[in-house]
Structures are given as structure tokens and as C-alpha cells.
């Protein structure tokens, strides 16, 4: 079993300098170590994984970290990270994947709205999975679709979270960020939340916002860094006020 919390003996053997801090030596070393394997092949440096896992806990300052399985595609790594204090729950890529993860984990949020009817049928026929998985919605037609798959009276209550748009509508530059959700203003989110909460067969449990212009955009890439950081700072301030 992979464990990411090092024991005292392991910590004592750990070098003071991290190998990955010298890319000119680190990458060739990994290439050499896998030269005998047929491509494609993926490699995980466990020391780097342990370091990054703990570093994220420090950076969040006590906020729980939900692991996005779209980014971490190795089940053993996902399971190991969830055993580290500070990590809680999963953000799944697809509903089929969420159902698989729900066999062993009890706090799973689906990152995107779904129209996967076969997977919805499986979810709505399984009380344990329905209690463990939260669906993402941003339009009432998605609730109608779920009702069309299985009527509210014939299924467990469905946990739902609202996906709200976190893009920045800059006065001069226009739309900055992704076109992710039609719900942008607090009033739009509130109106949809009230309608969703009033419907039979659903339980509204959360709100998601993804600020791609901040979280998904590197701010140390070379030319244009100053502009990027300025845009990110102004977007961050607008989000503080909107939230």
C-alpha cells in the first residue's frame, strides 16, 4: 500500500536538496530509468509526490483539499492522498468514474453536469451511491432530465451542487475566463437555487466556482507576466465582492 506520510526513518534518510530542483539532471535520470520499458509510460517520483502532497496542505492554511481525479489518474495515488490529514473528498471527471469511486469513497462531487443516462440509471437505483455522489447542475433542464430518467417518487433524493460562472467581465477587455455556466450574478444563482431547492427529489448541498483565469493560467511564464498578474489581481478582487 502506498503511504505518503513518511515515517521517522524515511524522513531521516531524506536529502536536504530535492532532486527535481535540478531539471537538467532529474529528467534524464527518469528517462534512463524507464528506457527499457515500451512507450507510452508514466512515472511518478514518490519523493516529489510526498513533498507536493504535504506542501499543498501547508499552502491551504487549514482549508480541506478536494482531489480532482481529472488531474490525478492513478487510483493508488488518489487513495493514498485521501489518507493524509488535510485532504477530503473527490472531484470526479465523469459520472461513470464517480460510481466506481463511490464503491470505496463517500464524498464525491461530479465536476460537470451530465447527460449520461445509463450512469444516471445506475446512480438512481443505488441508495448508497446517491448518498455519496453530488451531481453538478447549472440549468433547470438538467433537473428535468434527471426526473425523466427516474421520477422523484421512485428514486432516492439526488444531491446537487450549483456550478456558478467565475469568469471576469472586464470593463475594457470583455469576457476573461471560461464559458462554463450561464449563472454569473448572485441574483441568477439565488433564483436558480430557490427553484432547485423547491423541487421534489433533489437536495441542494453546495456551490462550485472555477476561476480559470486565475487557477488555470500560469503567472510565471515569461513575456506578458505583468499583464497576466494584473488581470488576475483585478479578477480576484471582483470575485471577493461577488462571492
Protein backbone atom coordinates (compact mmCIF):
# COMPACT_ATOMS: atom_id res chain seq x y z
CA UNK A 1 0.00 0.00 0.00
CA UNK A 2 1.33 3.42 -0.97
CA UNK A 3 1.70 5.76 2.01
CA UNK A 4 2.53 9.44 1.57
CA UNK A 5 3.18 10.25 5.23
CA UNK A 6 6.83 9.36 5.74
CA UNK A 7 7.87 7.54 8.90
CA UNK A 8 10.73 8.87 11.01
CA UNK A 9 13.27 6.54 9.42
CA UNK A 10 12.26 7.62 5.95
CA UNK A 11 12.36 11.28 6.92
CA UNK A 12 15.85 10.86 8.36
CA UNK A 13 17.12 9.42 5.08
CA UNK A 14 15.64 12.21 3.03
CA UNK A 15 18.22 14.52 1.39
CA UNK A 16 18.14 18.22 2.15
CA UNK A 17 18.14 19.08 -1.57
CA UNK A 18 15.32 17.85 -3.78
CA UNK A 19 16.37 16.10 -6.98
CA UNK A 20 13.61 17.75 -9.02
CA UNK A 21 15.06 21.18 -8.28
CA UNK A 22 17.75 20.37 -10.88
CA UNK A 23 15.71 19.58 -14.03
CA UNK A 24 18.83 19.12 -16.16
CA UNK A 25 19.73 16.07 -14.08
CA UNK A 26 16.29 14.94 -12.91
CA UNK A 27 14.55 14.37 -16.26
CA UNK A 28 17.46 12.44 -17.85
CA UNK A 29 17.53 10.24 -14.74
CA UNK A 30 13.86 9.34 -15.20
CA UNK A 31 14.40 8.77 -18.92
CA UNK A 32 17.27 6.40 -18.19
CA UNK A 33 15.28 4.53 -15.55
CA UNK A 34 12.45 3.81 -18.00
CA UNK A 35 14.49 3.28 -21.17
CA UNK A 36 13.82 -0.47 -21.15
CA UNK A 37 10.02 -0.04 -20.98
CA UNK A 38 7.76 0.23 -24.05
CA UNK A 39 6.12 3.62 -24.55
CA UNK A 40 3.83 5.18 -23.57
CA UNK A 41 4.76 5.02 -19.91
CA UNK A 42 4.04 7.22 -16.90
CA UNK A 43 6.44 7.74 -13.99
CA UNK A 44 5.77 9.06 -10.50
CA UNK A 45 8.66 10.16 -8.32
CA UNK A 46 7.43 9.23 -4.85
CA UNK A 47 9.67 11.77 -3.11
CA UNK A 48 8.24 14.56 -5.28
CA UNK A 49 4.72 13.24 -4.72
CA UNK A 50 5.17 13.21 -0.94
CA UNK A 51 6.64 16.71 -0.99
CA UNK A 52 3.85 18.15 -3.13
CA UNK A 53 1.16 16.41 -1.09
CA UNK A 54 2.41 17.97 2.15
CA UNK A 55 3.23 21.32 0.55
CA UNK A 56 -0.38 21.68 -0.60
CA UNK A 57 -1.61 21.15 2.96
CA UNK A 58 0.68 23.93 4.19
CA UNK A 59 -0.38 26.29 1.39
CA UNK A 60 -4.10 25.92 2.09
CA UNK A 61 -3.72 27.06 5.69
CA UNK A 62 -6.22 24.59 7.11
CA UNK A 63 -8.76 24.50 4.29
CA UNK A 64 -9.63 20.96 3.18
CA UNK A 65 -8.37 19.85 -0.23
CA UNK A 66 -10.69 18.02 -2.61
CA UNK A 67 -8.72 15.93 -5.12
CA UNK A 68 -9.63 16.42 -8.80
CA UNK A 69 -9.44 12.96 -10.34
CA UNK A 70 -9.24 14.50 -13.81
CA UNK A 71 -5.72 15.57 -12.86
CA UNK A 72 -4.69 12.55 -10.77
CA UNK A 73 -5.41 9.45 -12.85
CA UNK A 74 -3.75 6.81 -10.65
CA UNK A 75 -6.18 5.21 -8.19
CA UNK A 76 -3.47 4.22 -5.69
CA UNK A 77 -2.22 7.83 -5.55
CA UNK A 78 -5.78 9.11 -5.02
CA UNK A 79 -6.40 6.64 -2.20
CA UNK A 80 -3.05 7.44 -0.56
CA UNK A 81 -3.61 11.21 -0.70
CA UNK A 82 -7.01 10.86 0.97
CA UNK A 83 -5.32 9.17 3.92
CA UNK A 84 -3.27 12.34 4.51
CA UNK A 85 -4.81 14.79 7.03
CA UNK A 86 -5.97 17.86 5.13
CA UNK A 87 -7.41 16.00 2.14
CA UNK A 88 -11.14 15.32 1.99
CA UNK A 89 -13.34 14.16 -0.85
CA UNK A 90 -13.01 13.80 -4.61
CA UNK A 91 -13.99 15.88 -7.65
CA UNK A 92 -14.77 13.29 -10.33
CA UNK A 93 -14.43 13.69 -14.09
CA UNK A 94 -17.45 11.65 -15.22
CA UNK A 95 -20.45 10.06 -13.53
CA UNK A 96 -19.26 6.58 -14.52
CA UNK A 97 -15.98 7.32 -12.77
CA UNK A 98 -17.82 8.71 -9.74
CA UNK A 99 -19.82 5.49 -9.43
CA UNK A 100 -16.61 3.46 -9.49
CA UNK A 101 -15.00 5.68 -6.85
CA UNK A 102 -18.15 5.53 -4.69
CA UNK A 103 -17.54 1.84 -4.09
CA UNK A 104 -14.81 2.88 -1.63
CA UNK A 105 -15.24 6.63 -1.01
CA UNK A 106 -18.21 8.54 0.41
CA UNK A 107 -17.69 12.20 -0.60
CA UNK A 108 -17.63 12.61 -4.37
CA UNK A 109 -18.66 15.67 -6.38
CA UNK A 110 -19.15 15.39 -10.13
CA UNK A 111 -17.27 18.29 -11.72
CA UNK A 112 -19.66 18.85 -14.64
CA UNK A 113 -23.36 18.45 -15.49
CA UNK A 114 -24.07 15.05 -17.01
CA UNK A 115 -26.39 13.62 -19.66
CA UNK A 116 -25.09 10.06 -19.24
CA UNK A 117 -28.42 8.23 -18.98
CA UNK A 118 -27.03 4.72 -18.26
CA UNK A 119 -24.87 6.06 -15.42
CA UNK A 120 -27.78 8.11 -14.06
CA UNK A 121 -29.93 4.97 -14.06
CA UNK A 122 -27.25 3.20 -12.02
CA UNK A 123 -26.97 6.12 -9.60
CA UNK A 124 -30.72 6.47 -9.09
CA UNK A 125 -31.09 2.74 -8.41
CA UNK A 126 -28.39 2.73 -5.72
CA UNK A 127 -29.17 4.46 -2.41
CA UNK A 128 -25.59 4.25 -1.19
CA UNK A 129 -24.17 5.79 -4.37
CA UNK A 130 -26.85 8.51 -4.32
CA UNK A 131 -25.81 9.40 -0.76
CA UNK A 132 -22.13 9.55 -1.74
CA UNK A 133 -22.24 11.40 -5.07
CA UNK A 134 -23.22 15.02 -5.68
CA UNK A 135 -24.25 15.99 -9.21
CA UNK A 136 -23.34 19.37 -10.71
CA UNK A 137 -26.09 21.47 -12.32
CA UNK A 138 -26.41 24.94 -13.81
CA UNK A 139 -29.76 24.82 -15.62
CA UNK A 140 -33.24 23.60 -14.76
CA UNK A 141 -33.34 21.44 -17.90
CA UNK A 142 -30.71 19.23 -16.26
CA UNK A 143 -33.07 18.63 -13.34
CA UNK A 144 -35.84 17.82 -15.82
CA UNK A 145 -33.55 15.29 -17.49
CA UNK A 146 -32.84 13.53 -14.19
CA UNK A 147 -36.58 13.39 -13.47
CA UNK A 148 -37.14 11.89 -16.94
CA UNK A 149 -34.64 9.12 -16.22
CA UNK A 150 -36.31 8.16 -12.93
CA UNK A 151 -39.25 10.03 -11.39
CA UNK A 152 -38.69 11.60 -7.94
CA UNK A 153 -41.16 9.23 -6.26
CA UNK A 154 -39.24 6.18 -7.49
CA UNK A 155 -35.69 7.13 -6.53
CA UNK A 156 -33.52 8.36 -3.65
CA UNK A 157 -33.10 12.12 -3.26
CA UNK A 158 -30.38 13.40 -5.57
CA UNK A 159 -27.64 15.53 -4.09
CA UNK A 160 -26.91 18.54 -6.32
CA UNK A 161 -24.48 21.44 -6.32
CA UNK A 162 -24.70 24.59 -8.44
CA UNK A 163 -21.93 25.45 -10.89
CA UNK A 164 -21.67 29.26 -10.99
CA UNK A 165 -19.65 31.22 -13.55
CA UNK A 166 -16.47 32.72 -12.09
CA UNK A 167 -15.20 34.46 -15.23
CA UNK A 168 -14.39 38.17 -15.15
CA UNK A 169 -16.35 40.57 -17.33
CA UNK A 170 -13.71 43.26 -17.55
CA UNK A 171 -14.90 46.80 -18.35
CA UNK A 172 -12.49 47.25 -21.28
CA UNK A 173 -11.39 43.71 -22.16
CA UNK A 174 -14.74 41.92 -22.07
CA UNK A 175 -15.12 38.27 -21.05
CA UNK A 176 -11.99 36.79 -19.42
CA UNK A 177 -12.11 33.16 -18.36
CA UNK A 178 -14.06 30.12 -19.49
CA UNK A 179 -17.67 29.96 -20.69
CA UNK A 180 -18.64 27.43 -18.04
CA UNK A 181 -22.05 28.31 -16.62
CA UNK A 182 -24.97 30.61 -17.51
CA UNK A 183 -25.23 31.63 -13.83
CA UNK A 184 -22.97 34.64 -13.34
CA UNK A 185 -24.54 37.13 -10.93
CA UNK A 186 -25.51 36.43 -7.31
CA UNK A 187 -29.17 37.05 -8.22
CA UNK A 188 -29.04 34.47 -11.04
CA UNK A 189 -27.52 31.89 -8.72
CA UNK A 190 -30.02 32.66 -5.95
CA UNK A 191 -33.04 32.35 -8.27
CA UNK A 192 -31.84 29.02 -9.61
CA UNK A 193 -31.03 27.79 -6.10
CA UNK A 194 -34.55 28.58 -4.90
CA UNK A 195 -36.13 26.75 -7.85
CA UNK A 196 -33.87 23.73 -7.37
CA UNK A 197 -34.49 23.57 -3.62
CA UNK A 198 -38.26 23.64 -4.15
CA UNK A 199 -38.28 20.61 -6.47
CA UNK A 200 -39.13 17.14 -5.19
CA UNK A 201 -36.37 14.57 -5.30
CA UNK A 202 -33.41 16.91 -5.00
CA UNK A 203 -31.24 18.14 -2.15
CA UNK A 204 -29.15 21.26 -2.77
CA UNK A 205 -25.89 20.86 -0.86
CA UNK A 206 -23.25 23.12 -2.41
CA UNK A 207 -21.92 25.72 -4.82
CA UNK A 208 -18.91 25.47 -7.14
CA UNK A 209 -16.98 28.25 -8.89
CA UNK A 210 -13.86 27.71 -11.00
CA UNK A 211 -11.86 30.85 -11.76
CA UNK A 212 -9.88 29.51 -14.74
CA UNK A 213 -8.35 32.91 -15.44
CA UNK A 214 -6.61 32.63 -12.05
CA UNK A 215 -6.25 28.95 -11.19
CA UNK A 216 -5.77 27.69 -14.74
CA UNK A 217 -3.39 30.36 -16.01
CA UNK A 218 0.31 30.36 -15.16
CA UNK A 219 1.61 33.67 -13.82
CA UNK A 220 5.33 32.98 -14.28
CA UNK A 221 5.63 32.12 -17.96
CA UNK A 222 7.90 34.85 -19.30
CA UNK A 223 6.63 37.61 -21.56
CA UNK A 224 3.25 39.01 -20.56
CA UNK A 225 3.57 38.08 -16.90
CA UNK A 226 2.85 41.62 -15.71
CA UNK A 227 -0.40 41.82 -17.69
CA UNK A 228 -1.48 38.36 -16.55
CA UNK A 229 -0.86 39.18 -12.90
CA UNK A 230 -2.72 42.48 -13.21
CA UNK A 231 -5.73 40.75 -14.75
CA UNK A 232 -5.63 38.04 -12.08
CA UNK A 233 -5.44 40.58 -9.26
CA UNK A 234 -8.43 42.55 -10.56
CA UNK A 235 -10.43 39.39 -11.21
CA UNK A 236 -9.62 38.13 -7.71
CA UNK A 237 -10.95 41.36 -6.20
CA UNK A 238 -14.15 41.18 -8.27
CA UNK A 239 -14.70 37.59 -7.15
CA UNK A 240 -14.28 38.54 -3.49
CA UNK A 241 -17.06 41.09 -3.86
CA UNK A 242 -19.34 38.78 -5.88
CA UNK A 243 -18.94 35.84 -3.52
